[in-house]
Amino acid sequence: MQLKINVLTKIEENRKTTFYFIQPESKIILPIDVGEIVIDNTYIRTLNAFEISIESIHVYLYLEGVYYVYLRIHGIQKSFDINTTLQNALCILECVKTIDIYIETEILEHEGIKITKEMLTSYLDT
């Protein structure tokens, strides 16, 4: 099952970018280091030229340190999925801020950080 996640923040430091995603219902934060993000809107221009829109980004697998991602795009008559890299998907997200992002529950639970009231209280007390 896939859950919708939101971008909480993006931190860029020393040519390295870390995105922090949050899944509000489960209160899990997922940090993902993606290296340097270079925004190249060639994807967007190409898709627009063919009247294709990006519906969503899906993270469907995490294996040996690599996130596997596909874009769900909608053409003139149908929707279909195309594989891409996480870096390319996040570059597209930087250009088109309204795209929904989904991730497999197993990935979120295994790679994310569950935020609890006790954790926050403990942090604030120090």
PDB file of N, CA and C in Angstrom:
ATOM      1  N   MET A   1       0.830  -1.177   0.000  1.00  0.00           N
ATOM      2  CA  MET A   1       0.000   0.000   0.000  1.00  0.00           C
ATOM      3  C   MET A   1       0.881   1.250   0.000  1.00  0.00           C
ATOM      4  N   GLN A   2       0.458   2.255  -0.725  1.00  0.00           N
ATOM      5  CA  GLN A   2       1.211   3.496  -0.758  1.00  0.00           C
ATOM      6  C   GLN A   2       0.477   4.582   0.026  1.00  0.00           C
ATOM      7  N   LEU A   3       1.265   5.385   0.725  1.00  0.00           N
ATOM      8  CA  LEU A   3       0.742   6.501   1.501  1.00  0.00           C
ATOM      9  C   LEU A   3       1.240   7.812   0.908  1.00  0.00           C
ATOM     10  N   LYS A   4       0.419   8.830   0.983  1.00  0.00           N
ATOM     11  CA  LYS A   4       0.820  10.148   0.510  1.00  0.00           C
ATOM     12  C   LYS A   4       1.748  10.778   1.531  1.00  0.00           C
ATOM     13  N   ILE A   5       2.843  11.364   1.045  1.00  0.00           N
ATOM     14  CA  ILE A   5       3.773  12.094   1.905  1.00  0.00           C
ATOM     15  C   ILE A   5       3.882  13.526   1.393  1.00  0.00           C
ATOM     16  N   ASN A   6       4.293  14.410   2.287  1.00  0.00           N
ATOM     17  CA  ASN A   6       4.463  15.820   1.947  1.00  0.00           C
ATOM     18  C   ASN A   6       5.914  16.226   2.199  1.00  0.00           C
ATOM     19  N   VAL A   7       6.372  17.205   1.449  1.00  0.00           N
ATOM     20  CA  VAL A   7       7.698  17.761   1.712  1.00  0.00           C
ATOM     21  C   VAL A   7       7.582  18.640   2.946  1.00  0.00           C
ATOM     22  N   LEU A   8       8.332  18.293   3.976  1.00  0.00           N
ATOM     23  CA  LEU A   8       8.368  19.089   5.196  1.00  0.00           C
ATOM     24  C   LEU A   8       9.331  20.254   5.005  1.00  0.00           C
ATOM     25  N   THR A   9      10.525  19.939   4.530  1.00  0.00           N
ATOM     26  CA  THR A   9      11.517  20.974   4.249  1.00  0.00           C
ATOM     27  C   THR A   9      12.610  20.380   3.370  1.00  0.00           C
ATOM     28  N   LYS A  10      13.426  21.250   2.849  1.00  0.00           N
ATOM     29  CA  LYS A  10      14.584  20.870   2.049  1.00  0.00           C
ATOM     30  C   LYS A  10      15.764  21.657   2.580  1.00  0.00           C
ATOM     31  N   ILE A  11      16.865  20.974   2.858  1.00  0.00           N
ATOM     32  CA  ILE A  11      18.058  21.647   3.376  1.00  0.00           C
ATOM     33  C   ILE A  11      19.203  21.425   2.393  1.00  0.00           C
ATOM     34  N   GLU A  12      19.798  22.523   1.964  1.00  0.00           N
ATOM     35  CA  GLU A  12      20.941  22.459   1.049  1.00  0.00           C
ATOM     36  C   GLU A  12      22.174  22.959   1.797  1.00  0.00           C
ATOM     37  N   GLU A  13      23.213  22.124   1.787  1.00  0.00           N
ATOM     38  CA  GLU A  13      24.447  22.477   2.480  1.00  0.00           C
ATOM     39  C   GLU A  13      25.612  21.805   1.770  1.00  0.00           C
ATOM     40  N   ASN A  14      26.625  22.601   1.423  1.00  0.00           N
ATOM     41  CA  ASN A  14      27.839  22.084   0.767  1.00  0.00           C
ATOM     42  C   ASN A  14      27.507  21.234  -0.464  1.00  0.00           C
ATOM     43  N   ARG A  15      26.674  21.763  -1.340  1.00  0.00           N
ATOM     44  CA  ARG A  15      26.296  21.090  -2.589  1.00  0.00           C
ATOM     45  C   ARG A  15      25.613  19.742  -2.353  1.00  0.00           C
ATOM     46  N   LYS A  16      25.000  19.591  -1.204  1.00  0.00           N
ATOM     47  CA  LYS A  16      24.268  18.379  -0.863  1.00  0.00           C
ATOM     48  C   LYS A  16      22.865  18.797  -0.445  1.00  0.00           C
ATOM     49  N   THR A  17      21.872  18.077  -0.927  1.00  0.00           N
ATOM     50  CA  THR A  17      20.481  18.396  -0.607  1.00  0.00           C
ATOM     51  C   THR A  17      19.850  17.233   0.141  1.00  0.00           C
ATOM     52  N   THR A  18      19.174  17.545   1.225  1.00  0.00           N
ATOM     53  CA  THR A  18      18.398  16.558   1.969  1.00  0.00           C
ATOM     54  C   THR A  18      16.955  17.025   2.008  1.00  0.00           C
ATOM     55  N   PHE A  19      16.061  16.179   1.512  1.00  0.00           N
ATOM     56  CA  PHE A  19      14.632  16.436   1.604  1.00  0.00           C
ATOM     57  C   PHE A  19      14.111  15.725   2.834  1.00  0.00           C
ATOM     58  N   TYR A  20      13.231  16.390   3.554  1.00  0.00           N
ATOM     59  CA  TYR A  20      12.553  15.785   4.697  1.00  0.00           C
ATOM     60  C   TYR A  20      11.071  15.695   4.344  1.00  0.00           C
ATOM     61  N   PHE A  21      10.576  14.469   4.277  1.00  0.00           N
ATOM     62  CA  PHE A  21       9.174  14.224   3.975  1.00  0.00           C
ATOM     63  C   PHE A  21       8.456  13.839   5.264  1.00  0.00           C
ATOM     64  N   ILE A  22       7.167  14.111   5.310  1.00  0.00           N
ATOM     65  CA  ILE A  22       6.380  13.717   6.474  1.00  0.00           C
ATOM     66  C   ILE A  22       5.097  13.047   6.002  1.00  0.00           C
ATOM     67  N   GLN A  23       4.732  12.017   6.736  1.00  0.00           N
ATOM     68  CA  GLN A  23       3.445  11.362   6.522  1.00  0.00           C
ATOM     69  C   GLN A  23       2.625  11.713   7.765  1.00  0.00           C
ATOM     70  N   PRO A  24       1.717  12.700   7.646  1.00  0.00           N
ATOM     71  CA  PRO A  24       1.058  13.257   8.839  1.00  0.00           C
ATOM     72  C   PRO A  24       0.283  12.252   9.687  1.00  0.00           C
ATOM     73  N   GLU A  25      -0.451  11.334   9.058  1.00  0.00           N
ATOM     74  CA  GLU A  25      -1.269  10.409   9.848  1.00  0.00           C
ATOM     75  C   GLU A  25      -0.421   9.477  10.711  1.00  0.00           C
ATOM     76  N   SER A  26       0.671   8.986  10.162  1.00  0.00           N
ATOM     77  CA  SER A  26       1.516   8.059  10.928  1.00  0.00           C
ATOM     78  C   SER A  26       2.590   8.781  11.736  1.00  0.00           C
ATOM     79  N   LYS A  27       2.735  10.090  11.504  1.00  0.00           N
ATOM     80  CA  LYS A  27       3.741  10.910  12.205  1.00  0.00           C
ATOM     81  C   LYS A  27       5.157  10.379  11.986  1.00  0.00           C
ATOM     82  N   ILE A  28       5.441  10.008  10.736  1.00  0.00           N
ATOM     83  CA  ILE A  28       6.769   9.516  10.375  1.00  0.00           C
ATOM     84  C   ILE A  28       7.431  10.550   9.471  1.00  0.00           C
ATOM     85  N   ILE A  29       8.680  10.871   9.816  1.00  0.00           N
ATOM     86  CA  ILE A  29       9.507  11.764   8.994  1.00  0.00           C
ATOM     87  C   ILE A  29      10.531  10.905   8.272  1.00  0.00           C
ATOM     88  N   LEU A  30      10.686  11.176   6.986  1.00  0.00           N
ATOM     89  CA  LEU A  30      11.630  10.416   6.167  1.00  0.00           C
ATOM     90  C   LEU A  30      12.652  11.367   5.560  1.00  0.00           C
ATOM     91  N   PRO A  31      13.901  11.348   6.060  1.00  0.00           N
ATOM     92  CA  PRO A  31      14.952  12.157   5.435  1.00  0.00           C
ATOM     93  C   PRO A  31      15.569  11.387   4.265  1.00  0.00           C
ATOM     94  N   ILE A  32      15.760  12.065   3.150  1.00  0.00           N
ATOM     95  CA  ILE A  32      16.393  11.430   1.988  1.00  0.00           C
ATOM     96  C   ILE A  32      17.474  12.363   1.466  1.00  0.00           C
ATOM     97  N   ASP A  33      18.719  11.881   1.491  1.00  0.00           N
ATOM     98  CA  ASP A  33      19.843  12.619   0.909  1.00  0.00           C
ATOM     99  C   ASP A  33      19.866  12.339  -0.588  1.00  0.00           C
ATOM    100  N   VAL A  34      19.897  13.394  -1.378  1.00  0.00           N
ATOM    101  CA  VAL A  34      19.876  13.207  -2.828  1.00  0.00           C
ATOM    102  C   VAL A  34      21.071  13.830  -3.535  1.00  0.00           C
ATOM    103  N   GLY A  35      22.037  14.281  -2.787  1.00  0.00           N
ATOM    104  CA  GLY A  35      23.185  14.906  -3.433  1.00  0.00           C
ATOM    105  C   GLY A  35      22.805  16.284  -3.953  1.00  0.00           C
ATOM    106  N   GLU A  36      23.446  16.689  -5.022  1.00  0.00           N
ATOM    107  CA  GLU A  36      23.187  18.010  -5.575  1.00  0.00           C
ATOM    108  C   GLU A  36      21.988  17.947  -6.522  1.00  0.00           C
ATOM    109  N   ILE A  37      21.051  18.855  -6.342  1.00  0.00           N
ATOM    110  CA  ILE A  37      19.873  18.949  -7.207  1.00  0.00           C
ATOM    111  C   ILE A  37      20.127  20.058  -8.213  1.00  0.00           C
ATOM    112  N   VAL A  38      20.105  19.698  -9.477  1.00  0.00           N
ATOM    113  CA  VAL A  38      20.253  20.670 -10.545  1.00  0.00           C
ATOM    114  C   VAL A  38      18.924  20.698 -11.288  1.00  0.00           C
ATOM    115  N   ILE A  39      18.238  21.812 -11.193  1.00  0.00           N
ATOM    116  CA  ILE A  39      16.919  21.892 -11.807  1.00  0.00           C
ATOM    117  C   ILE A  39      17.069  22.129 -13.304  1.00  0.00           C
ATOM    118  N   ASP A  40      16.594  21.164 -14.048  1.00  0.00           N
ATOM    119  CA  ASP A  40      16.586  21.231 -15.507  1.00  0.00           C
ATOM    120  C   ASP A  40      15.148  20.954 -15.923  1.00  0.00           C
ATOM    121  N   ASN A  41      14.464  21.961 -16.370  1.00  0.00           N
ATOM    122  CA  ASN A  41      13.057  21.772 -16.669  1.00  0.00           C
ATOM    123  C   ASN A  41      12.810  21.208 -18.068  1.00  0.00           C
ATOM    124  N   THR A  42      13.795  20.504 -18.629  1.00  0.00           N
ATOM    125  CA  THR A  42      13.625  19.870 -19.929  1.00  0.00           C
ATOM    126  C   THR A  42      12.467  18.881 -19.899  1.00  0.00           C
ATOM    127  N   TYR A  43      12.358  18.115 -18.802  1.00  0.00           N
ATOM    128  CA  TYR A  43      11.237  17.179 -18.671  1.00  0.00           C
ATOM    129  C   TYR A  43       9.917  17.928 -18.797  1.00  0.00           C
ATOM    130  N   ILE A  44       9.793  19.009 -18.050  1.00  0.00           N
ATOM    131  CA  ILE A  44       8.552  19.754 -18.012  1.00  0.00           C
ATOM    132  C   ILE A  44       8.228  20.328 -19.394  1.00  0.00           C
ATOM    133  N   ARG A  45       9.223  20.931 -20.045  1.00  0.00           N
ATOM    134  CA  ARG A  45       8.992  21.510 -21.374  1.00  0.00           C
ATOM    135  C   ARG A  45       8.595  20.435 -22.379  1.00  0.00           C
ATOM    136  N   THR A  46       9.251  19.282 -22.325  1.00  0.00           N
ATOM    137  CA  THR A  46       8.933  18.192 -23.250  1.00  0.00           C
ATOM    138  C   THR A  46       7.517  17.672 -23.018  1.00  0.00           C
ATOM    139  N   LEU A  47       7.183  17.428 -21.767  1.00  0.00           N
ATOM    140  CA  LEU A  47       5.842  16.936 -21.461  1.00  0.00           C
ATOM    141  C   LEU A  47       4.773  17.952 -21.864  1.00  0.00           C
ATOM    142  N   ASN A  48       5.020  19.218 -21.600  1.00  0.00           N
ATOM    143  CA  ASN A  48       4.060  20.258 -21.991  1.00  0.00           C
ATOM    144  C   ASN A  48       3.881  20.327 -23.502  1.00  0.00           C
ATOM    145  N   ALA A  49       4.969  20.140 -24.247  1.00  0.00           N
ATOM    146  CA  ALA A  49       4.896  20.195 -25.712  1.00  0.00           C
ATOM    147  C   ALA A  49       3.970  19.108 -26.260  1.00  0.00           C
ATOM    148  N   PHE A  50       3.913  17.972 -25.575  1.00  0.00           N
ATOM    149  CA  PHE A  50       3.058  16.866 -26.013  1.00  0.00           C
ATOM    150  C   PHE A  50       1.750  16.794 -25.220  1.00  0.00           C
ATOM    151  N   GLU A  51       1.428  17.868 -24.502  1.00  0.00           N
ATOM    152  CA  GLU A  51       0.202  17.955 -23.710  1.00  0.00           C
ATOM    153  C   GLU A  51       0.080  16.793 -22.722  1.00  0.00           C
ATOM    154  N   ILE A  52       1.184  16.508 -22.047  1.00  0.00           N
ATOM    155  CA  ILE A  52       1.229  15.456 -21.033  1.00  0.00           C
ATOM    156  C   ILE A  52       1.440  16.124 -19.684  1.00  0.00           C
ATOM    157  N   SER A  53       0.675  15.705 -18.702  1.00  0.00           N
ATOM    158  CA  SER A  53       0.836  16.274 -17.367  1.00  0.00           C
ATOM    159  C   SER A  53       1.315  15.192 -16.400  1.00  0.00           C
ATOM    160  N   ILE A  54       2.017  15.618 -15.370  1.00  0.00           N
ATOM    161  CA  ILE A  54       2.497  14.697 -14.347  1.00  0.00           C
ATOM    162  C   ILE A  54       1.457  14.655 -13.243  1.00  0.00           C
ATOM    163  N   GLU A  55       0.930  13.464 -12.974  1.00  0.00           N
ATOM    164  CA  GLU A  55      -0.099  13.317 -11.948  1.00  0.00           C
ATOM    165  C   GLU A  55       0.510  13.117 -10.565  1.00  0.00           C
ATOM    166  N   SER A  56       1.559  12.275 -10.489  1.00  0.00           N
ATOM    167  CA  SER A  56       2.108  11.958  -9.170  1.00  0.00           C
ATOM    168  C   SER A  56       3.473  11.306  -9.297  1.00  0.00           C
ATOM    169  N   ILE A  57       4.172  11.293  -8.163  1.00  0.00           N
ATOM    170  CA  ILE A  57       5.458  10.621  -8.026  1.00  0.00           C
ATOM    171  C   ILE A  57       5.253   9.455  -7.068  1.00  0.00           C
ATOM    172  N   HIS A  58       5.791   8.282  -7.422  1.00  0.00           N
ATOM    173  CA  HIS A  58       5.628   7.090  -6.591  1.00  0.00           C
ATOM    174  C   HIS A  58       6.988   6.470  -6.277  1.00  0.00           C
ATOM    175  N   VAL A  59       7.283   6.337  -4.990  1.00  0.00           N
ATOM    176  CA  VAL A  59       8.487   5.641  -4.539  1.00  0.00           C
ATOM    177  C   VAL A  59       8.026   4.227  -4.194  1.00  0.00           C
ATOM    178  N   TYR A  60       8.446   3.256  -5.009  1.00  0.00           N
ATOM    179  CA  TYR A  60       7.879   1.922  -4.861  1.00  0.00           C
ATOM    180  C   TYR A  60       8.847   0.880  -4.310  1.00  0.00           C
ATOM    181  N   LEU A  61      10.139   1.209  -4.227  1.00  0.00           N
ATOM    182  CA  LEU A  61      11.104   0.219  -3.752  1.00  0.00           C
ATOM    183  C   LEU A  61      12.337   0.930  -3.208  1.00  0.00           C
ATOM    184  N   TYR A  62      12.896   0.376  -2.145  1.00  0.00           N
ATOM    185  CA  TYR A  62      14.177   0.829  -1.610  1.00  0.00           C
ATOM    186  C   TYR A  62      15.040  -0.410  -1.486  1.00  0.00           C
ATOM    187  N   LEU A  63      16.135  -0.458  -2.251  1.00  0.00           N
ATOM    188  CA  LEU A  63      16.967  -1.650  -2.295  1.00  0.00           C
ATOM    189  C   LEU A  63      18.433  -1.245  -2.374  1.00  0.00           C
ATOM    190  N   GLU A  64      19.210  -1.726  -1.420  1.00  0.00           N
ATOM    191  CA  GLU A  64      20.653  -1.478  -1.390  1.00  0.00           C
ATOM    192  C   GLU A  64      20.986   0.006  -1.524  1.00  0.00           C
ATOM    193  N   GLY A  65      20.244   0.831  -0.782  1.00  0.00           N
ATOM    194  CA  GLY A  65      20.530   2.255  -0.741  1.00  0.00           C
ATOM    195  C   GLY A  65      19.967   3.072  -1.895  1.00  0.00           C
ATOM    196  N   VAL A  66      19.171   2.456  -2.756  1.00  0.00           N
ATOM    197  CA  VAL A  66      18.619   3.158  -3.917  1.00  0.00           C
ATOM    198  C   VAL A  66      17.097   3.183  -3.821  1.00  0.00           C
ATOM    199  N   TYR A  67      16.529   4.371  -3.992  1.00  0.00           N
ATOM    200  CA  TYR A  67      15.073   4.512  -4.064  1.00  0.00           C
ATOM    201  C   TYR A  67      14.661   4.371  -5.529  1.00  0.00           C
ATOM    202  N   TYR A  68      13.671   3.517  -5.787  1.00  0.00           N
ATOM    203  CA  TYR A  68      13.157   3.317  -7.136  1.00  0.00           C
ATOM    204  C   TYR A  68      11.833   4.069  -7.256  1.00  0.00           C
ATOM    205  N   VAL A  69      11.727   4.837  -8.340  1.00  0.00           N
ATOM    206  CA  VAL A  69      10.646   5.807  -8.472  1.00  0.00           C
ATOM    207  C   VAL A  69      10.045   5.733  -9.872  1.00  0.00           C
ATOM    208  N   TYR A  70       8.747   5.977  -9.950  1.00  0.00           N
ATOM    209  CA  TYR A  70       8.136   6.195 -11.255  1.00  0.00           C
ATOM    210  C   TYR A  70       7.237   7.418 -11.198  1.00  0.00           C
ATOM    211  N   LEU A  71       7.057   8.025 -12.358  1.00  0.00           N
ATOM    212  CA  LEU A  71       6.138   9.147 -12.509  1.00  0.00           C
ATOM    213  C   LEU A  71       4.874   8.622 -13.154  1.00  0.00           C
ATOM    214  N   ARG A  72       3.736   8.982 -12.622  1.00  0.00           N
ATOM    215  CA  ARG A  72       2.461   8.678 -13.283  1.00  0.00           C
ATOM    216  C   ARG A  72       2.122   9.914 -14.094  1.00  0.00           C
ATOM    217  N   ILE A  73       2.069   9.730 -15.405  1.00  0.00           N
ATOM    218  CA  ILE A  73       1.784  10.852 -16.288  1.00  0.00           C
ATOM    219  C   ILE A  73       0.498  10.583 -17.057  1.00  0.00           C
ATOM    220  N   HIS A  74      -0.144  11.671 -17.452  1.00  0.00           N
ATOM    221  CA  HIS A  74      -1.418  11.571 -18.149  1.00  0.00           C
ATOM    222  C   HIS A  74      -1.277  12.226 -19.513  1.00  0.00           C
ATOM    223  N   GLY A  75      -1.479  11.409 -20.529  1.00  0.00           N
ATOM    224  CA  GLY A  75      -1.435  11.911 -21.898  1.00  0.00           C
ATOM    225  C   GLY A  75      -2.821  12.310 -22.366  1.00  0.00           C
ATOM    226  N   ILE A  76      -2.958  12.466 -23.650  1.00  0.00           N
ATOM    227  CA  ILE A  76      -4.224  12.914 -24.217  1.00  0.00           C
ATOM    228  C   ILE A  76      -5.338  11.897 -23.961  1.00  0.00           C
ATOM    229  N   GLN A  77      -5.029  10.603 -24.034  1.00  0.00           N
ATOM    230  CA  GLN A  77      -6.079   9.603 -23.892  1.00  0.00           C
ATOM    231  C   GLN A  77      -5.929   8.662 -22.710  1.00  0.00           C
ATOM    232  N   LYS A  78      -4.729   8.574 -22.132  1.00  0.00           N
ATOM    233  CA  LYS A  78      -4.578   7.624 -21.026  1.00  0.00           C
ATOM    234  C   LYS A  78      -3.434   8.024 -20.098  1.00  0.00           C
ATOM    235  N   SER A  79      -3.420   7.365 -18.942  1.00  0.00           N
ATOM    236  CA  SER A  79      -2.333   7.552 -17.975  1.00  0.00           C
ATOM    237  C   SER A  79      -1.380   6.375 -18.075  1.00  0.00           C
ATOM    238  N   PHE A  80      -0.103   6.633 -17.797  1.00  0.00           N
ATOM    239  CA  PHE A  80       0.864   5.551 -17.748  1.00  0.00           C
ATOM    240  C   PHE A  80       2.015   5.948 -16.840  1.00  0.00           C
ATOM    241  N   ASP A  81       2.825   4.956 -16.478  1.00  0.00           N
ATOM    242  CA  ASP A  81       3.927   5.160 -15.547  1.00  0.00           C
ATOM    243  C   ASP A  81       5.256   5.054 -16.287  1.00  0.00           C
ATOM    244  N   ILE A  82       6.193   5.940 -15.918  1.00  0.00           N
ATOM    245  CA  ILE A  82       7.543   5.840 -16.465  1.00  0.00           C
ATOM    246  C   ILE A  82       8.538   5.876 -15.311  1.00  0.00           C
ATOM    247  N   ASN A  83       9.507   4.982 -15.362  1.00  0.00           N
ATOM    248  CA  ASN A  83      10.549   4.955 -14.335  1.00  0.00           C
ATOM    249  C   ASN A  83      11.464   6.148 -14.492  1.00  0.00           C
ATOM    250  N   THR A  84      11.960   6.624 -13.365  1.00  0.00           N
ATOM    251  CA  THR A  84      12.913   7.725 -13.355  1.00  0.00           C
ATOM    252  C   THR A  84      13.763   7.581 -12.103  1.00  0.00           C
ATOM    253  N   THR A  85      14.734   8.439 -11.970  1.00  0.00           N
ATOM    254  CA  THR A  85      15.538   8.437 -10.748  1.00  0.00           C
ATOM    255  C   THR A  85      14.867   9.340  -9.714  1.00  0.00           C
ATOM    256  N   LEU A  86      15.214   9.121  -8.464  1.00  0.00           N
ATOM    257  CA  LEU A  86      14.691   9.977  -7.404  1.00  0.00           C
ATOM    258  C   LEU A  86      15.125  11.424  -7.636  1.00  0.00           C
ATOM    259  N   GLN A  87      16.369  11.621  -8.048  1.00  0.00           N
ATOM    260  CA  GLN A  87      16.865  12.975  -8.292  1.00  0.00           C
ATOM    261  C   GLN A  87      16.038  13.676  -9.372  1.00  0.00           C
ATOM    262  N   ASN A  88      15.737  12.962 -10.475  1.00  0.00           N
ATOM    263  CA  ASN A  88      14.928  13.576 -11.534  1.00  0.00           C
ATOM    264  C   ASN A  88      13.521  13.889 -11.048  1.00  0.00           C
ATOM    265  N   ALA A  89      12.947  12.976 -10.284  1.00  0.00           N
ATOM    266  CA  ALA A  89      11.594  13.198  -9.762  1.00  0.00           C
ATOM    267  C   ALA A  89      11.561  14.428  -8.854  1.00  0.00           C
ATOM    268  N   LEU A  90      12.584  14.586  -8.024  1.00  0.00           N
ATOM    269  CA  LEU A  90      12.614  15.739  -7.118  1.00  0.00           C
ATOM    270  C   LEU A  90      12.891  17.040  -7.867  1.00  0.00           C
ATOM    271  N   CYS A  91      13.644  16.970  -8.946  1.00  0.00           N
ATOM    272  CA  CYS A  91      13.826  18.156  -9.793  1.00  0.00           C
ATOM    273  C   CYS A  91      12.488  18.581 -10.395  1.00  0.00           C
ATOM    274  N   ILE A  92      11.711  17.598 -10.846  1.00  0.00           N
ATOM    275  CA  ILE A  92      10.389  17.898 -11.385  1.00  0.00           C
ATOM    276  C   ILE A  92       9.515  18.497 -10.296  1.00  0.00           C
ATOM    277  N   LEU A  93       9.599  17.944  -9.100  1.00  0.00           N
ATOM    278  CA  LEU A  93       8.832  18.470  -7.975  1.00  0.00           C
ATOM    279  C   LEU A  93       9.196  19.931  -7.693  1.00  0.00           C
ATOM    280  N   GLU A  94      10.463  20.277  -7.846  1.00  0.00           N
ATOM    281  CA  GLU A  94      10.897  21.660  -7.643  1.00  0.00           C
ATOM    282  C   GLU A  94      10.255  22.593  -8.676  1.00  0.00           C
ATOM    283  N   CYS A  95      10.009  22.082  -9.880  1.00  0.00           N
ATOM    284  CA  CYS A  95       9.402  22.897 -10.940  1.00  0.00           C
ATOM    285  C   CYS A  95       7.882  22.942 -10.842  1.00  0.00           C
ATOM    286  N   VAL A  96       7.286  21.825 -10.444  1.00  0.00           N
ATOM    287  CA  VAL A  96       5.825  21.710 -10.370  1.00  0.00           C
ATOM    288  C   VAL A  96       5.475  21.343  -8.933  1.00  0.00           C
ATOM    289  N   LYS A  97       5.189  22.337  -8.136  1.00  0.00           N
ATOM    290  CA  LYS A  97       5.021  22.144  -6.692  1.00  0.00           C
ATOM    291  C   LYS A  97       3.748  21.386  -6.303  1.00  0.00           C
ATOM    292  N   THR A  98       2.826  21.190  -7.225  1.00  0.00           N
ATOM    293  CA  THR A  98       1.523  20.623  -6.868  1.00  0.00           C
ATOM    294  C   THR A  98       1.415  19.115  -7.115  1.00  0.00           C
ATOM    295  N   ILE A  99       2.507  18.440  -7.337  1.00  0.00           N
ATOM    296  CA  ILE A  99       2.482  16.996  -7.602  1.00  0.00           C
ATOM    297  C   ILE A  99       2.402  16.237  -6.278  1.00  0.00           C
ATOM    298  N   ASP A 100       1.499  15.253  -6.218  1.00  0.00           N
ATOM    299  CA  ASP A 100       1.409  14.393  -5.040  1.00  0.00           C
ATOM    300  C   ASP A 100       2.536  13.368  -5.066  1.00  0.00           C
ATOM    301  N   ILE A 101       3.030  13.016  -3.882  1.00  0.00           N
ATOM    302  CA  ILE A 101       4.098  12.024  -3.746  1.00  0.00           C
ATOM    303  C   ILE A 101       3.568  10.880  -2.886  1.00  0.00           C
ATOM    304  N   TYR A 102       3.786   9.651  -3.349  1.00  0.00           N
ATOM    305  CA  TYR A 102       3.348   8.463  -2.619  1.00  0.00           C
ATOM    306  C   TYR A 102       4.544   7.543  -2.390  1.00  0.00           C
ATOM    307  N   ILE A 103       4.509   6.828  -1.272  1.00  0.00           N
ATOM    308  CA  ILE A 103       5.595   5.915  -0.934  1.00  0.00           C
ATOM    309  C   ILE A 103       5.003   4.640  -0.346  1.00  0.00           C
ATOM    310  N   GLU A 104       5.645   3.528  -0.621  1.00  0.00           N
ATOM    311  CA  GLU A 104       5.207   2.261  -0.045  1.00  0.00           C
ATOM    312  C   GLU A 104       5.314   2.332   1.481  1.00  0.00           C
ATOM    313  N   THR A 105       4.315   1.815   2.157  1.00  0.00           N
ATOM    314  CA  THR A 105       4.270   1.833   3.616  1.00  0.00           C
ATOM    315  C   THR A 105       5.509   1.186   4.228  1.00  0.00           C
ATOM    316  N   GLU A 106       5.955   0.077   3.673  1.00  0.00           N
ATOM    317  CA  GLU A 106       7.130  -0.633   4.203  1.00  0.00           C
ATOM    318  C   GLU A 106       8.373   0.246   4.175  1.00  0.00           C
ATOM    319  N   ILE A 107       8.556   0.992   3.116  1.00  0.00           N
ATOM    320  CA  ILE A 107       9.725   1.876   3.005  1.00  0.00           C
ATOM    321  C   ILE A 107       9.643   2.954   4.073  1.00  0.00           C
ATOM    322  N   LEU A 108       8.483   3.565   4.182  1.00  0.00           N
ATOM    323  CA  LEU A 108       8.285   4.638   5.157  1.00  0.00           C
ATOM    324  C   LEU A 108       8.558   4.150   6.576  1.00  0.00           C
ATOM    325  N   GLU A 109       8.006   2.996   6.917  1.00  0.00           N
ATOM    326  CA  GLU A 109       8.174   2.464   8.270  1.00  0.00           C
ATOM    327  C   GLU A 109       9.607   2.017   8.551  1.00  0.00           C
ATOM    328  N   HIS A 110      10.298   1.495   7.546  1.00  0.00           N
ATOM    329  CA  HIS A 110      11.661   0.989   7.750  1.00  0.00           C
ATOM    330  C   HIS A 110      12.705   2.106   7.717  1.00  0.00           C
ATOM    331  N   GLU A 111      12.548   3.071   6.828  1.00  0.00           N
ATOM    332  CA  GLU A 111      13.558   4.117   6.634  1.00  0.00           C
ATOM    333  C   GLU A 111      13.227   5.424   7.361  1.00  0.00           C
ATOM    334  N   GLY A 112      11.983   5.578   7.791  1.00  0.00           N
ATOM    335  CA  GLY A 112      11.556   6.820   8.425  1.00  0.00           C
ATOM    336  C   GLY A 112      11.783   6.830   9.923  1.00  0.00           C
ATOM    337  N   ILE A 113      11.489   7.963  10.511  1.00  0.00           N
ATOM    338  CA  ILE A 113      11.630   8.167  11.953  1.00  0.00           C
ATOM    339  C   ILE A 113      10.241   8.465  12.515  1.00  0.00           C
ATOM    340  N   LYS A 114       9.770   7.612  13.402  1.00  0.00           N
ATOM    341  CA  LYS A 114       8.462   7.802  14.035  1.00  0.00           C
ATOM    342  C   LYS A 114       8.591   8.877  15.104  1.00  0.00           C
ATOM    343  N   ILE A 115       7.828   9.951  14.953  1.00  0.00           N
ATOM    344  CA  ILE A 115       7.870  11.056  15.899  1.00  0.00           C
ATOM    345  C   ILE A 115       6.811  10.812  16.975  1.00  0.00           C
ATOM    346  N   THR A 116       7.252  10.801  18.231  1.00  0.00           N
ATOM    347  CA  THR A 116       6.328  10.588  19.344  1.00  0.00           C
ATOM    348  C   THR A 116       6.368  11.797  20.277  1.00  0.00           C
ATOM    349  N   LYS A 117       5.344  11.914  21.076  1.00  0.00           N
ATOM    350  CA  LYS A 117       5.282  12.993  22.062  1.00  0.00           C
ATOM    351  C   LYS A 117       6.458  12.885  23.033  1.00  0.00           C
ATOM    352  N   GLU A 118       6.780  11.649  23.437  1.00  0.00           N
ATOM    353  CA  GLU A 118       7.901  11.434  24.356  1.00  0.00           C
ATOM    354  C   GLU A 118       9.229  11.875  23.756  1.00  0.00           C
ATOM    355  N   MET A 119       9.399  11.595  22.456  1.00  0.00           N
ATOM    356  CA  MET A 119      10.624  11.998  21.782  1.00  0.00           C
ATOM    357  C   MET A 119      10.759  13.515  21.770  1.00  0.00           C
ATOM    358  N   LEU A 120       9.688  14.209  21.457  1.00  0.00           N
ATOM    359  CA  LEU A 120       9.728  15.666  21.412  1.00  0.00           C
ATOM    360  C   LEU A 120       9.939  16.268  22.797  1.00  0.00           C
ATOM    361  N   THR A 121       9.258  15.710  23.782  1.00  0.00           N
ATOM    362  CA  THR A 121       9.406  16.183  25.160  1.00  0.00           C
ATOM    363  C   THR A 121      10.833  15.997  25.634  1.00  0.00           C
ATOM    364  N   SER A 122      11.396  14.842  25.365  1.00  0.00           N
ATOM    365  CA  SER A 122      12.774  14.550  25.766  1.00  0.00           C
ATOM    366  C   SER A 122      13.733  15.518  25.097  1.00  0.00           C
ATOM    367  N   TYR A 123      13.533  15.811  23.828  1.00  0.00           N
ATOM    368  CA  TYR A 123      14.398  16.725  23.107  1.00  0.00           C
ATOM    369  C   TYR A 123      14.286  18.138  23.668  1.00  0.00           C
ATOM    370  N   LEU A 124      13.072  18.566  23.944  1.00  0.00           N
ATOM    371  CA  LEU A 124      12.862  19.928  24.448  1.00  0.00           C
ATOM    372  C   LEU A 124      13.370  20.112  25.866  1.00  0.00           C
ATOM    373  N   ASP A 125      13.430  19.031  26.651  1.00  0.00           N
ATOM    374  CA  ASP A 125      13.913  19.118  28.027  1.00  0.00           C
ATOM    375  C   ASP A 125      15.437  19.205  28.105  1.00  0.00           C
ATOM    376  N   THR A 126      16.144  18.918  27.032  1.00  0.00           N
ATOM    377  CA  THR A 126      17.609  18.941  27.089  1.00  0.00           C
ATOM    378  C   THR A 126      18.156  20.292  26.729  1.00  0.00           C
TER     379      THR A 126
END
